[in-house]
Protein backbone atom coordinates (compact mmCIF):
# COMPACT_ATOMS: atom_id res chain seq x y z
CA MET A 1 30.64 -9.34 8.55
CA LYS A 2 29.90 -12.26 10.84
CA GLY A 3 26.79 -14.28 10.11
CA PHE A 4 25.21 -13.61 13.51
CA ILE A 5 25.51 -9.83 13.18
CA LYS A 6 24.25 -9.98 9.60
CA ALA A 7 21.19 -11.94 10.77
CA ILE A 8 20.48 -9.32 13.45
CA ILE A 9 20.68 -6.49 10.91
CA VAL A 10 18.38 -8.35 8.51
CA PHE A 11 15.87 -8.96 11.32
CA THR A 12 16.02 -5.32 12.42
CA THR A 13 15.58 -3.75 9.01
CA ILE A 14 12.87 -6.10 7.76
CA SER A 15 10.94 -5.81 11.06
CA ALA A 16 11.05 -2.01 10.83
CA ALA A 17 9.95 -1.98 7.19
CA ILE A 18 7.09 -4.42 7.79
CA MET A 19 6.03 -2.52 10.91
CA GLU A 20 5.75 0.69 8.90
CA LEU A 21 3.87 -0.91 6.02
CA ILE A 22 1.44 -2.75 8.29
CA ASP A 23 0.51 0.54 9.91
CA THR A 24 -0.56 1.98 6.56
CA THR A 25 -3.51 -0.45 6.46
CA VAL A 26 -3.94 -1.97 9.93
CA VAL A 27 -6.50 0.61 11.10
CA ASN A 28 -8.81 0.10 8.11
CA VAL A 29 -10.78 -2.66 9.83
CA ALA A 30 -10.84 -0.89 13.21
CA LEU A 31 -12.62 2.33 12.25
CA ASN A 32 -16.04 1.29 13.59
CA ASN A 33 -14.63 0.37 16.99
CA MET A 34 -12.49 3.48 17.21
CA ALA A 35 -15.36 5.78 16.23
CA GLY A 36 -17.64 4.27 18.87
CA ASN A 37 -15.00 4.49 21.58
CA LEU A 38 -13.95 8.05 20.80
CA GLY A 39 -17.50 9.30 20.20
CA CYS A 40 -17.14 10.43 16.58
CA THR A 41 -18.38 9.48 13.12
CA ILE A 42 -16.74 7.07 10.68
CA GLU A 43 -15.98 10.02 8.41
CA ASP A 44 -14.18 11.82 11.25
CA ILE A 45 -12.18 8.80 12.44
CA SER A 46 -11.03 8.04 8.89
CA TRP A 47 -8.68 11.01 9.38
CA VAL A 48 -6.36 8.63 11.22
CA ILE A 49 -5.74 7.00 7.83
CA THR A 50 -5.43 10.30 5.97
CA ALA A 51 -3.05 11.90 8.49
CA TYR A 52 -0.65 8.96 8.40
CA ALA A 53 -0.70 8.76 4.60
CA ILE A 54 -0.03 12.49 4.15
CA ALA A 55 2.92 12.48 6.54
CA ASN A 56 4.29 9.31 4.99
CA VAL A 57 4.19 10.46 1.39
CA ILE A 58 5.82 13.81 2.28
CA ILE A 59 8.70 12.23 4.18
CA ILE A 60 9.53 9.39 1.77
CA PRO A 61 11.05 11.55 -1.02
CA MET A 62 12.95 13.58 1.60
CA THR A 63 14.62 10.66 3.38
CA SER A 64 17.74 10.78 1.22
CA PHE A 65 18.28 14.43 2.18
CA LEU A 66 17.43 13.87 5.86
CA ALA A 67 19.72 10.87 6.17
CA ALA A 68 22.58 12.85 4.63
CA PHE A 69 21.88 15.81 6.91
CA PHE A 70 21.61 13.90 10.22
CA GLY A 71 23.64 10.81 9.33
CA ARG A 72 21.94 7.58 8.25
CA LYS A 73 22.22 5.72 11.55
CA ASN A 74 21.02 8.72 13.60
CA TYR A 75 18.12 9.39 11.27
CA TYR A 76 17.08 5.72 11.30
CA LEU A 77 17.29 5.50 15.10
CA TYR A 78 15.39 8.75 15.65
CA SER A 79 12.69 7.64 13.23
CA ILE A 80 12.20 4.32 15.03
CA ILE A 81 11.92 6.16 18.36
CA ILE A 82 9.44 8.69 16.93
CA PHE A 83 7.37 5.89 15.40
CA THR A 84 7.33 3.87 18.63
CA VAL A 85 6.47 6.80 20.91
CA ALA A 86 3.73 7.92 18.52
CA SER A 87 2.34 4.36 18.45
CA PHE A 88 2.08 4.40 22.26
CA MET A 89 0.37 7.79 22.21
CA CYS A 90 -2.09 6.63 19.50
CA GLY A 91 -3.04 3.63 21.60
CA ASN A 92 -3.64 5.84 24.62
CA SER A 93 -5.46 8.69 22.87
CA THR A 94 -8.80 9.74 24.34
CA SER A 95 -10.01 12.20 21.69
CA LEU A 96 -10.22 12.46 17.92
CA GLY A 97 -7.84 15.42 17.65
CA GLU A 98 -5.26 13.68 19.82
CA ILE A 99 -5.13 10.48 17.79
CA ILE A 100 -5.03 12.35 14.47
CA LEU A 101 -2.04 14.39 15.70
CA TRP A 102 -0.15 11.32 16.85
CA ARG A 103 -0.96 9.39 13.67
CA PHE A 104 0.59 12.24 11.68
CA ILE A 105 3.72 12.11 13.85
CA GLN A 106 3.76 8.33 13.51
CA GLY A 107 3.72 8.79 9.72
CA ILE A 108 6.70 11.14 9.93
CA GLY A 109 8.68 8.50 11.82
CA GLY A 110 7.45 5.67 9.61
CA GLY A 111 8.41 7.40 6.39
CA ALA A 112 12.11 6.70 7.01
CA LEU A 113 11.72 3.07 8.06
CA LEU A 114 10.93 1.66 4.64
CA SER A 115 13.53 3.56 2.63
CA THR A 116 16.44 3.56 5.06
CA SER A 117 15.85 -0.11 5.87
CA GLN A 118 16.41 -0.82 2.19
CA ALA A 119 19.74 1.01 2.13
CA ILE A 120 20.99 -0.63 5.33
CA LEU A 121 19.95 -4.06 4.09
CA PHE A 122 21.84 -3.60 0.82
CA ASP A 123 24.87 -2.46 2.81
CA THR A 124 24.74 -5.70 4.81
CA PHE A 125 25.15 -7.91 1.75
CA THR A 126 28.08 -8.19 -0.63
CA VAL A 127 27.83 -7.03 -4.22
CA GLU A 128 27.30 -10.63 -5.35
CA GLN A 129 24.38 -11.05 -2.92
CA ARG A 130 22.46 -7.94 -3.95
CA GLY A 131 19.73 -9.94 -5.71
CA THR A 132 19.07 -11.72 -2.44
CA ALA A 133 18.94 -8.39 -0.60
CA SER A 134 16.32 -7.12 -3.06
CA ALA A 135 14.28 -10.28 -2.53
CA ILE A 136 14.40 -9.98 1.26
CA PHE A 137 13.37 -6.34 1.10
CA GLY A 138 10.64 -7.20 -1.38
CA MET A 139 9.14 -9.67 1.08
CA GLY A 140 8.63 -6.82 3.52
CA ILE A 141 7.03 -4.60 0.85
CA VAL A 142 4.49 -7.28 -0.05
CA ALA A 143 3.88 -8.68 3.43
CA GLY A 144 3.12 -5.32 5.08
CA PRO A 145 0.06 -4.18 3.09
CA THR A 146 -1.18 -7.80 2.92
CA LEU A 147 -0.88 -8.55 6.63
CA GLY A 148 -2.12 -5.16 7.83
CA PRO A 149 -5.87 -5.82 7.44
CA SER A 150 -5.34 -9.42 8.59
CA LEU A 151 -3.61 -8.43 11.81
CA GLY A 152 -6.08 -5.62 12.42
CA GLY A 153 -9.03 -7.97 11.99
CA ILE A 154 -7.65 -10.53 14.43
CA LEU A 155 -6.85 -7.90 17.07
CA ILE A 156 -10.25 -6.21 16.73
CA ASP A 157 -12.21 -9.48 16.84
CA HIS A 158 -10.43 -10.77 19.93
CA TYR A 159 -9.09 -7.73 21.79
CA SER A 160 -9.54 -3.94 21.41
CA TRP A 161 -8.44 -1.24 18.99
CA PRO A 162 -5.58 0.28 21.09
CA LEU A 163 -3.67 -2.97 20.64
CA ILE A 164 -3.23 -2.32 16.91
CA PHE A 165 -0.93 0.55 17.96
CA ASN A 166 0.50 -0.80 21.20
CA ILE A 167 1.69 -3.99 19.50
CA ASN A 168 4.35 -1.83 17.81
CA ILE A 169 5.94 -0.86 21.13
CA PRO A 170 7.99 -4.01 21.93
CA PHE A 171 9.10 -4.34 18.30
CA GLY A 172 10.01 -0.65 18.17
CA ILE A 173 12.05 -0.83 21.38
CA LEU A 174 13.86 -3.93 20.16
CA ALA A 175 14.56 -2.34 16.77
CA ALA A 176 15.92 0.82 18.44
CA VAL A 177 18.24 -1.17 20.72
CA LEU A 178 19.52 -3.34 17.87
CA THR A 179 20.02 -0.27 15.68
CA TYR A 180 22.05 1.50 18.38
CA PHE A 181 24.39 -1.46 18.91
CA PHE A 182 24.60 -3.16 15.52
CA ILE A 183 23.71 -0.77 12.69
CA GLU A 184 26.66 1.16 11.30
CA ASP A 185 26.53 4.50 9.58
CA SER A 186 27.08 4.77 5.85
CA VAL A 187 30.74 4.54 4.91
CA HIS A 188 30.03 6.90 2.02
CA VAL A 189 31.01 10.20 3.60
CA VAL A 190 29.42 13.27 2.06
CA ALA A 191 29.28 16.91 3.04
CA LYS A 192 26.18 17.95 4.95
CA PRO A 193 23.74 19.25 2.32
CA LYS A 194 22.30 22.73 2.30
CA ILE A 195 18.68 22.91 3.41
CA ASP A 196 16.39 23.56 0.45
CA TRP A 197 13.68 25.32 2.45
CA LEU A 198 11.53 26.37 -0.50
CA GLY A 199 11.77 22.93 -2.07
CA ILE A 200 10.68 21.30 1.20
CA PHE A 201 7.76 23.73 1.53
CA LEU A 202 6.57 23.16 -2.05
CA LEU A 203 6.93 19.40 -1.63
CA MET A 204 4.81 19.47 1.52
CA VAL A 205 2.14 21.62 -0.10
CA GLY A 206 2.06 19.77 -3.44
CA ILE A 207 2.41 16.12 -2.45
CA GLY A 208 0.59 16.57 0.87
CA SER A 209 -2.40 18.23 -0.84
CA LEU A 210 -2.46 15.57 -3.56
CA GLN A 211 -2.53 12.82 -0.96
CA TYR A 212 -5.35 14.61 0.87
CA VAL A 213 -7.41 14.82 -2.33
CA LEU A 214 -6.86 11.13 -3.07
CA GLU A 215 -7.66 10.05 0.49
CA ARG A 216 -10.67 12.31 1.14
CA GLY A 217 -12.04 12.99 -2.34
CA GLN A 218 -14.56 10.15 -2.43
CA THR A 219 -15.84 10.89 1.09
CA ASN A 220 -16.24 14.61 0.33
CA ASP A 221 -17.83 14.19 -3.14
CA TRP A 222 -14.70 15.34 -4.95
CA LEU A 223 -14.99 18.76 -6.60
CA ASP A 224 -18.44 19.36 -5.10
CA SER A 225 -16.56 19.94 -1.84
CA GLU A 226 -14.92 23.31 -1.25
CA SER A 227 -12.07 21.73 0.74
CA ILE A 228 -11.28 19.31 -2.09
CA ARG A 229 -11.26 22.16 -4.62
CA ILE A 230 -8.89 24.18 -2.42
CA PHE A 231 -6.50 21.27 -1.90
CA ALA A 232 -6.69 20.29 -5.58
CA VAL A 233 -5.55 23.79 -6.55
CA ALA A 234 -2.85 23.65 -3.86
CA ALA A 235 -1.67 20.30 -5.22
CA VAL A 236 -1.41 21.60 -8.79
CA VAL A 237 0.33 24.85 -7.78
CA GLY A 238 2.60 23.11 -5.27
CA ILE A 239 3.68 20.31 -7.61
CA ILE A 240 4.28 22.61 -10.59
CA GLY A 241 6.19 25.03 -8.37
CA PHE A 242 8.17 22.16 -6.85
CA ILE A 243 9.16 20.79 -10.27
CA PHE A 244 10.14 24.25 -11.54
CA TRP A 245 12.19 25.07 -8.44
CA GLU A 246 13.92 21.69 -8.06
CA LEU A 247 15.07 21.72 -11.69
CA ARG A 248 16.77 25.09 -11.08
CA GLU A 249 18.12 24.51 -7.56
CA LYS A 250 21.78 23.43 -7.36
CA GLU A 251 21.21 21.33 -4.21
CA PRO A 252 17.56 20.25 -4.43
CA VAL A 253 15.86 18.26 -1.69
CA VAL A 254 14.70 15.87 -4.46
CA ASN A 255 16.81 15.72 -7.61
CA LEU A 256 14.21 15.55 -10.38
CA ARG A 257 16.92 15.85 -13.04
CA LEU A 258 17.53 12.13 -12.56
CA LEU A 259 14.31 11.41 -14.43
CA LYS A 260 16.20 12.31 -17.61
CA ASP A 261 17.60 8.80 -17.27
CA SER A 262 15.16 6.72 -19.32
CA ASN A 263 15.63 3.61 -17.21
CA LEU A 264 14.65 5.40 -13.99
CA SER A 265 11.72 7.13 -15.71
CA PHE A 266 10.27 3.90 -17.05
CA THR A 267 10.97 2.06 -13.79
CA THR A 268 9.13 4.67 -11.71
CA VAL A 269 6.09 4.34 -13.97
CA LEU A 270 6.17 0.55 -13.65
CA THR A 271 6.66 0.88 -9.89
CA PHE A 272 3.68 3.22 -9.75
CA ILE A 273 1.54 0.56 -11.45
CA SER A 274 2.90 -2.16 -9.17
CA GLY A 275 1.78 0.02 -6.25
CA VAL A 276 -1.67 0.27 -7.82
CA ALA A 277 -1.82 -3.52 -8.22
CA LEU A 278 -0.50 -4.20 -4.71
CA PHE A 279 -2.87 -1.89 -2.83
CA THR A 280 -6.06 -2.20 -4.91
CA SER A 281 -6.05 -6.00 -4.75
CA VAL A 282 -5.72 -5.86 -0.97
CA PHE A 283 -8.43 -3.18 -0.89
CA ILE A 284 -11.15 -5.01 -2.88
CA TYR A 285 -10.67 -8.56 -1.66
CA PRO A 286 -11.56 -8.00 2.04
CA LEU A 287 -14.60 -5.95 1.03
CA LEU A 288 -15.87 -8.81 -1.13
CA LEU A 289 -15.46 -11.39 1.62
CA GLN A 290 -16.99 -9.25 4.36
CA ARG A 291 -19.72 -7.32 2.51
CA VAL A 292 -20.89 -10.08 0.14
CA LEU A 293 -19.90 -13.39 1.72
CA GLY A 294 -20.29 -12.35 5.36
CA TYR A 295 -16.89 -13.41 6.70
CA THR A 296 -15.35 -11.87 9.82
CA PRO A 297 -12.12 -9.83 9.69
CA THR A 298 -10.28 -12.74 11.33
CA MET A 299 -11.43 -15.16 8.63
CA VAL A 300 -10.39 -12.70 5.94
CA GLY A 301 -6.99 -12.37 7.58
CA VAL A 302 -6.49 -16.12 7.72
CA SER A 303 -7.38 -16.42 4.03
CA LEU A 304 -4.52 -14.04 3.13
CA ILE A 305 -1.83 -16.15 4.80
CA PRO A 306 -1.20 -18.56 1.86
CA GLY A 307 -0.47 -15.61 -0.43
CA ALA A 308 1.95 -14.06 2.05
CA LEU A 309 3.73 -17.38 2.48
CA GLY A 310 3.93 -17.71 -1.29
CA SER A 311 5.81 -14.41 -1.51
CA ILE A 312 8.27 -15.52 1.15
CA ILE A 313 9.04 -18.62 -0.91
CA VAL A 314 9.15 -17.03 -4.38
CA MET A 315 11.05 -13.79 -3.73
CA PRO A 316 14.40 -15.34 -2.71
CA ILE A 317 14.25 -17.57 -5.79
CA VAL A 318 13.68 -14.57 -8.06
CA GLY A 319 16.49 -12.70 -6.31
CA ARG A 320 18.94 -15.55 -6.89
CA ARG A 321 17.97 -15.89 -10.54
CA LEU A 322 18.47 -12.15 -11.15
CA GLN A 323 21.80 -12.43 -9.39
CA ALA A 324 22.70 -15.25 -11.77
CA GLY A 325 22.07 -12.98 -14.76
CA ASP A 326 18.48 -13.70 -15.82
CA SER A 327 16.76 -10.98 -17.84
CA PRO A 328 14.89 -8.45 -15.67
CA LYS A 329 12.58 -7.63 -18.58
CA GLY A 330 11.40 -11.20 -18.67
CA TYR A 331 10.63 -11.28 -14.95
CA ILE A 332 8.72 -7.99 -15.06
CA ALA A 333 6.71 -9.08 -18.11
CA VAL A 334 5.89 -12.48 -16.61
CA GLY A 335 5.12 -10.91 -13.22
CA PHE A 336 2.69 -8.39 -14.71
CA SER A 337 1.11 -11.13 -16.84
CA ILE A 338 0.55 -13.24 -13.74
CA LEU A 339 -1.08 -10.27 -12.00
CA MET A 340 -3.50 -10.04 -14.91
CA LEU A 341 -4.20 -13.76 -14.52
CA TYR A 342 -4.88 -13.13 -10.82
CA GLY A 343 -7.59 -10.60 -11.70
CA TRP A 344 -9.22 -13.09 -14.06
CA LEU A 345 -9.03 -15.95 -11.53
CA LEU A 346 -10.69 -13.81 -8.85
CA TYR A 347 -13.39 -12.94 -11.36
CA LYS A 348 -14.02 -16.64 -12.09
CA ALA A 349 -13.84 -17.76 -8.44
CA SER A 350 -16.35 -15.25 -7.05
CA ASN A 351 -20.06 -15.92 -6.60
CA ILE A 352 -22.60 -15.69 -3.79
CA ASN A 353 -21.73 -19.22 -2.62
CA SER A 354 -17.92 -18.92 -2.80
CA SER A 355 -15.90 -20.22 0.12
CA ILE A 356 -12.53 -18.96 1.38
CA GLY A 357 -10.90 -22.03 -0.14
CA ASP A 358 -11.96 -20.87 -3.60
CA TYR A 359 -9.55 -17.92 -3.26
CA THR A 360 -6.44 -19.84 -2.24
CA LEU A 361 -5.23 -20.40 -5.81
CA PRO A 362 -5.81 -16.80 -6.98
CA LEU A 363 -3.98 -15.43 -3.93
CA MET A 364 -1.06 -17.79 -4.49
CA VAL A 365 -0.93 -16.66 -8.14
CA ARG A 366 -0.92 -13.04 -6.98
CA SER A 367 2.01 -13.70 -4.66
CA VAL A 368 4.07 -15.07 -7.55
CA GLY A 369 3.26 -12.10 -9.80
CA ILE A 370 3.95 -9.45 -7.15
CA SER A 371 7.17 -11.21 -6.16
CA MET A 372 8.55 -11.31 -9.69
CA ALA A 373 7.63 -7.71 -10.48
CA MET A 374 8.57 -6.12 -7.15
CA VAL A 375 11.99 -7.69 -6.68
CA THR A 376 13.02 -6.89 -10.23
CA LEU A 377 11.81 -3.27 -10.12
CA THR A 378 13.58 -2.70 -6.80
CA ASN A 379 16.76 -4.05 -8.36
CA GLN A 380 16.44 -2.13 -11.64
CA ALA A 381 15.45 1.30 -10.32
CA VAL A 382 19.08 2.39 -10.15
CA ALA A 383 20.48 0.66 -13.22
CA GLY A 384 22.21 3.31 -15.33
CA LEU A 385 22.51 5.96 -12.59
CA LYS A 386 25.81 7.33 -11.38
CA PRO A 387 26.72 6.15 -7.86
CA LYS A 388 26.24 9.63 -6.37
CA ASP A 389 22.69 9.79 -7.77
CA ILE A 390 21.48 6.44 -6.47
CA PRO A 391 20.03 7.64 -3.11
CA GLN A 392 17.75 10.13 -4.89
CA GLY A 393 16.81 7.56 -7.52
CA ILE A 394 15.63 5.12 -4.87
CA ALA A 395 13.75 7.95 -3.14
CA LEU A 396 11.80 8.75 -6.29
CA ASN A 397 11.04 5.09 -6.92
CA ASN A 398 9.71 4.49 -3.41
CA MET A 399 7.57 7.63 -3.54
CA MET A 400 5.97 6.42 -6.77
CA ARG A 401 5.03 3.11 -5.18
CA GLN A 402 3.22 4.87 -2.35
CA LEU A 403 1.47 7.30 -4.70
CA GLY A 404 0.48 4.37 -6.91
CA GLY A 405 -1.30 2.79 -3.98
CA ALA A 406 -3.10 6.05 -3.16
CA PHE A 407 -4.16 6.60 -6.79
CA GLY A 408 -5.27 2.99 -7.14
CA ILE A 409 -7.50 3.05 -4.08
CA ALA A 410 -8.96 6.45 -5.03
CA PHE A 411 -9.78 5.29 -8.56
CA MET A 412 -11.21 2.01 -7.27
CA ASN A 413 -13.44 3.85 -4.80
CA ILE A 414 -14.91 5.92 -7.64
CA TYR A 415 -15.29 2.88 -9.85
CA VAL A 416 -16.97 0.79 -7.15
CA ASP A 417 -19.51 3.53 -6.39
CA GLN A 418 -20.38 4.00 -10.04
CA ARG A 419 -20.62 0.31 -10.91
CA TYR A 420 -22.65 -0.47 -7.76
CA ALA A 421 -25.30 2.09 -8.77
CA VAL A 422 -25.44 0.66 -12.30
CA HIS A 423 -25.75 -2.97 -11.17
CA ARG A 424 -28.32 -2.21 -8.48
CA ASN A 425 -30.55 -0.34 -10.94
CA GLU A 426 -30.25 -3.20 -13.44
CA LEU A 427 -31.17 -5.81 -10.83
CA ILE A 428 -34.13 -3.82 -9.53
CA SER A 429 -35.49 -3.55 -13.06
CA TYR A 430 -35.84 -7.35 -13.14
CA ILE A 431 -37.90 -7.59 -9.95
CA THR A 432 -40.46 -4.80 -10.21
CA PRO A 433 -43.74 -5.46 -8.34
CA GLY A 434 -46.11 -7.55 -10.42
CA SER A 435 -43.38 -9.23 -12.48
CA ALA A 436 -42.93 -13.00 -12.43
CA ASN A 437 -39.46 -12.69 -10.88
CA TYR A 438 -40.78 -10.46 -8.12
CA GLU A 439 -43.71 -12.74 -7.26
CA ALA A 440 -41.52 -15.86 -7.28
CA ARG A 441 -38.92 -14.34 -4.96
CA MET A 442 -41.48 -12.88 -2.57
CA HIS A 443 -43.29 -16.19 -2.32
CA ALA A 444 -40.00 -17.96 -1.66
CA LEU A 445 -39.09 -15.47 1.07
CA LEU A 446 -42.52 -15.67 2.71
CA GLY A 447 -42.54 -19.44 2.51
CA VAL A 448 -46.24 -19.54 1.60
CA GLY A 449 -48.41 -20.09 -1.44
CA SER A 450 -49.63 -17.14 -3.44
CA LYS A 451 -53.22 -17.66 -2.29
CA LEU A 452 -52.49 -17.39 1.43
CA ALA A 453 -52.68 -14.11 3.32
CA VAL A 454 -49.58 -12.89 5.14
CA SER A 455 -49.14 -10.36 7.92
CA ALA A 456 -47.90 -6.85 7.29
CA ASN A 457 -44.78 -7.56 9.36
CA ALA A 458 -43.97 -10.65 7.32
CA GLN A 459 -44.48 -8.70 4.11
CA GLN A 460 -42.17 -5.92 5.33
CA THR A 461 -39.53 -8.45 6.39
CA ALA A 462 -39.70 -10.05 2.96
CA TYR A 463 -39.16 -6.65 1.32
CA LYS A 464 -36.07 -6.07 3.46
CA LEU A 465 -34.66 -9.51 2.70
CA LEU A 466 -35.22 -9.00 -1.01
CA ASP A 467 -33.47 -5.61 -0.83
CA LEU A 468 -30.52 -7.17 0.98
CA ALA A 469 -30.30 -9.90 -1.66
CA VAL A 470 -30.24 -7.27 -4.42
CA ASP A 471 -27.59 -5.33 -2.50
CA ARG A 472 -25.32 -8.36 -2.11
CA GLN A 473 -25.63 -9.29 -5.77
CA ALA A 474 -24.95 -5.70 -6.87
CA TYR A 475 -21.78 -5.55 -4.76
CA LEU A 476 -20.67 -8.95 -6.05
CA LEU A 477 -21.01 -7.82 -9.67
CA THR A 478 -19.25 -4.54 -8.79
CA TYR A 479 -16.23 -6.27 -7.27
CA LEU A 480 -16.05 -8.63 -10.23
CA ASP A 481 -15.85 -5.56 -12.46
CA GLY A 482 -13.18 -4.17 -10.14
CA PHE A 483 -10.98 -7.24 -10.53
CA LEU A 484 -11.07 -6.89 -14.30
CA PHE A 485 -10.66 -3.10 -14.17
CA SER A 486 -7.44 -3.45 -12.17
CA VAL A 487 -6.00 -5.50 -15.02
CA LEU A 488 -6.27 -2.52 -17.37
CA PHE A 489 -3.66 -0.58 -15.36
CA ILE A 490 -1.14 -3.33 -16.00
CA VAL A 491 -2.00 -3.67 -19.70
CA ALA A 492 -1.39 0.06 -20.15
CA VAL A 493 2.28 -0.09 -19.10
CA PHE A 494 3.39 -3.23 -20.94
CA PRO A 495 4.84 -1.18 -23.84
CA LEU A 496 7.35 0.40 -21.41
CA ILE A 497 9.02 -2.87 -20.41
CA PRO A 498 11.29 -3.16 -23.49
CA PHE A 499 12.85 0.23 -22.64
CA LEU A 500 14.35 -1.02 -19.37
CA LYS A 501 18.10 -1.57 -19.29
CA THR A 502 19.09 -5.18 -18.71
CA LYS A 503 22.77 -4.87 -17.85
CA LYS A 504 23.90 -6.01 -14.43
CA LEU A 505 25.00 -3.23 -12.08
CA ASP A 506 28.72 -2.76 -11.85
CA ALA A 507 30.59 -3.01 -8.56
CA ALA A 508 30.82 0.76 -8.03
CA THR A 509 27.11 1.24 -8.58
CA GLN A 510 26.19 -1.67 -6.33
CA LYS A 511 28.47 -0.30 -3.63
CA ALA A 512 26.81 3.10 -3.90
CA VAL A 513 23.39 1.49 -3.57
CA ALA A 514 24.52 -0.20 -0.39
CA GLU A 515 25.93 3.03 0.98
CA SER A 516 23.03 5.20 -0.07
CA SER A 517 21.18 6.94 2.67
CA HIS A 518 17.80 6.09 1.25
């Protein structure tokens, strides 16, 4: 393959993958603006996040089947077109129901972009260059969730919310054109699979309901909400039914029998935790800077750039070293250890007077840890599988990454709420009226001596300022706890690392990875 064509394919696939991943988080910082413009509450507009996530997590495990059924190139092209058209319709929506519908459709189109981009990218490189392909793909996985809030903040601060969707249009059109002319279909010809209708239905009910519970549980007070109880039951019934059916079905939409392979089983667990680490760190950090330190979304976005650049530098190096035969276990262990160090560094760097510069080193450390873990896990997910099973193996691995992010954010939401209440109550106990701490702070806020009279308005203002100070400190302590809590997820899976297979993939397996439809 000529270098120019290879460069076009790399640009196309990475652009599509990043575009999809950015859209999973780009609207997070735009909810206030969207709610005001569409005349709805924050709780209502947050459905634009939920709808996209539900569609995405349903489609991801099905992409191997859909690519085999429609043909990989056709499925990829159709998905780009669906994603682009839905982006345009989201940007031009005039009602809540309209934008929720189009966000769901956008999630259906976006679900194929990440997975199929990976397969096409592997197909572009030779067997000897597969480590590099994993590194390039890994850059997109890390850059998307990191740059999403950054890009959203910049667009909201300087323009308007429709642009966070409309910005996809030129990139989507370009990706569709390049796909039509330069992307080739898989050379691995297989018979069109039978449609597993019941498996698809159970997958939609089980995984879709689970994603709904994770996305909306905190907002709806979890099991105190009737809708959460209903969807929780649907998730349990759907997932159990899905597992039971897929293990019996001769041509399942998702081949769960592959999890009998110990390497894939352990890798999916590690990938799940890497998804937790990737999404929760991006979730907490902007909240700390905006809610406690008072920075704008644009400033938060700018602060994330060094970390993203670090990943771009480190991932190709890791890919080349794996290609040269370095131990994947070592890279995963070191990568997870560095992510634990990142949590500790954020804990040490954060106080009421912290500046953005104080977070540069922790974010650079995070980029190294994520890069080492993500590239290696992407490369190792299929080690030990038969070539014909590789598409389904990659499908399961990618689904676990997305679910890891959803679980991580849901758990962190619960944890933040609980720890905030604890810290606020503790702080208030130190400044009860009549105590020395209370009198000292009130006098400092009023700017007068204790013997001077003050107006009622000044007294009320001082109360409000004191309450705000307590609030900021409570959130600061909560996010510090969150940084350390996220480390526990990584500690829990360290014992699984020794069970990973370390052999390099043979030529037949590597070729099957490249030709896989997922």
